[in-house]
Amino acid sequence: MEDYLEDEKRYYSIGEVATMFDVNTSLIRFWEKEFDIIKPKKNKKGNRLFTPKDVQNLKLIHHLVKERGFTLKGAKSKLKENREDTARIAEVVDKLKMIKQALGEIRKDLD
């Protein structure tokens, strides 16, 4: 997930966040309503501004719901009971995906 975040950026628009996870902005808004750990700031126009912490929390939600197939209720429960393990597992999955991609590129270069 760290690959998604720019080092100096303090806030991300909802469009940027949706692009990070390859989902619609409506899903980000829905998750915001469903999960109390997502608390974007809003500017004077009412546009959502997501912090890096919000993005990390969305990453966990995305991992549980989209990658592991949890229901929203199950994801909420998992985040409440064991958030740190969930974060570690999501990080391992990300690293494994990067390794798989790198190996695929090496294989393509060898062919």
Protein backbone atom coordinates (compact mmCIF):
# COMPACT_ATOMS: atom_id res chain seq x y z
CA MET A 1 0.00 0.00 0.00
CA GLU A 2 2.86 2.35 0.65
CA ASP A 3 3.34 2.35 -3.12
CA TYR A 4 0.02 4.17 -3.45
CA LEU A 5 0.88 7.02 -1.13
CA GLU A 6 3.03 9.95 -2.06
CA ASP A 7 5.53 10.87 0.67
CA GLU A 8 4.66 14.55 0.93
CA LYS A 9 0.93 14.43 0.35
CA ARG A 10 -1.27 15.09 3.39
CA TYR A 11 -4.68 14.67 1.75
CA TYR A 12 -6.11 12.67 -1.13
CA SER A 13 -9.30 13.39 -3.06
CA ILE A 14 -11.98 10.73 -3.28
CA GLY A 15 -11.10 10.26 -6.95
CA GLU A 16 -7.47 9.59 -6.11
CA VAL A 17 -8.47 7.11 -3.42
CA ALA A 18 -10.92 5.32 -5.72
CA THR A 19 -8.18 5.01 -8.35
CA MET A 20 -5.76 3.54 -5.78
CA PHE A 21 -8.16 0.67 -5.15
CA ASP A 22 -9.68 0.48 -8.63
CA VAL A 23 -13.21 1.05 -7.31
CA ASN A 24 -15.93 3.64 -7.86
CA THR A 25 -16.09 6.74 -5.70
CA SER A 26 -19.56 5.64 -4.60
CA LEU A 27 -18.03 2.57 -2.94
CA ILE A 28 -15.57 4.78 -1.03
CA ARG A 29 -18.49 6.93 0.17
CA PHE A 30 -20.42 3.80 1.14
CA TRP A 31 -17.49 2.40 3.13
CA GLU A 32 -17.12 5.79 4.81
CA LYS A 33 -20.71 5.49 6.07
CA GLU A 34 -20.34 1.86 7.10
CA PHE A 35 -16.95 1.97 8.85
CA ASP A 36 -16.40 4.52 11.61
CA ILE A 37 -12.61 4.30 11.19
CA ILE A 38 -12.91 6.26 7.91
CA LYS A 39 -13.16 9.94 8.78
CA PRO A 40 -12.17 12.18 5.87
CA LYS A 41 -12.02 15.90 6.39
CA LYS A 42 -14.27 18.04 4.22
CA ASN A 43 -13.28 21.35 2.69
CA LYS A 44 -15.58 24.37 2.34
CA LYS A 45 -17.08 22.91 -0.84
CA GLY A 46 -17.84 19.66 0.96
CA ASN A 47 -15.22 17.64 -0.93
CA ARG A 48 -13.79 14.74 1.02
CA LEU A 49 -10.08 14.89 1.85
CA PHE A 50 -8.64 11.57 2.95
CA THR A 51 -5.54 11.40 5.14
CA PRO A 52 -2.88 8.69 4.71
CA LYS A 53 -4.39 7.03 7.81
CA ASP A 54 -7.81 6.96 6.10
CA VAL A 55 -6.17 5.38 3.05
CA GLN A 56 -4.50 2.74 5.24
CA ASN A 57 -7.86 1.94 6.84
CA LEU A 58 -9.50 1.73 3.41
CA LYS A 59 -6.73 -0.65 2.36
CA LEU A 60 -7.63 -2.96 5.24
CA ILE A 61 -11.33 -2.78 4.37
CA HIS A 62 -10.57 -3.43 0.69
CA HIS A 63 -8.36 -6.39 1.64
CA LEU A 64 -11.04 -7.96 3.83
CA VAL A 65 -14.06 -7.31 1.60
CA LYS A 66 -12.69 -7.53 -1.94
CA GLU A 67 -9.72 -9.86 -1.57
CA ARG A 68 -10.79 -12.19 1.25
CA GLY A 69 -14.55 -12.11 0.65
CA PHE A 70 -15.68 -10.90 4.07
CA THR A 71 -19.16 -9.46 4.48
CA LEU A 72 -19.29 -5.87 5.78
CA LYS A 73 -20.40 -7.18 9.16
CA GLY A 74 -17.56 -9.71 9.18
CA ALA A 75 -15.02 -7.06 8.16
CA LYS A 76 -16.20 -4.71 10.93
CA SER A 77 -15.92 -7.51 13.46
CA LYS A 78 -12.46 -8.54 12.25
CA LEU A 79 -11.18 -4.96 12.43
CA LYS A 80 -12.51 -4.55 15.96
CA GLU A 81 -11.16 -7.79 17.34
CA ASN A 82 -7.78 -8.06 15.64
CA ARG A 83 -6.84 -5.03 13.57
CA GLU A 84 -3.05 -5.48 13.88
CA ASP A 85 -3.04 -9.04 12.55
CA THR A 86 -5.31 -8.00 9.70
CA ALA A 87 -2.90 -5.18 8.83
CA ARG A 88 0.07 -7.55 8.88
CA ILE A 89 -1.70 -10.08 6.68
CA ALA A 90 -2.70 -7.37 4.19
CA GLU A 91 0.92 -6.18 4.07
CA VAL A 92 2.18 -9.73 3.42
CA VAL A 93 -0.40 -10.19 0.65
CA ASP A 94 0.76 -6.91 -0.97
CA LYS A 95 4.40 -8.01 -0.84
CA LEU A 96 3.55 -11.41 -2.31
CA LYS A 97 1.67 -9.72 -5.17
CA MET A 98 4.71 -7.54 -5.88
CA ILE A 99 6.98 -10.61 -5.88
CA LYS A 100 4.60 -12.44 -8.21
CA GLN A 101 4.56 -9.47 -10.58
CA ALA A 102 8.37 -9.22 -10.52
CA LEU A 103 8.72 -12.95 -11.20
CA GLY A 104 6.25 -12.64 -14.07
CA GLU A 105 8.34 -9.84 -15.58
CA ILE A 106 11.53 -11.88 -15.19
CA ARG A 107 9.85 -14.85 -16.83
CA LYS A 108 8.68 -12.66 -19.73
CA ASP A 109 12.21 -11.33 -20.17
CA LEU A 110 13.60 -14.87 -20.29
CA ASP A 111 11.12 -16.03 -22.95
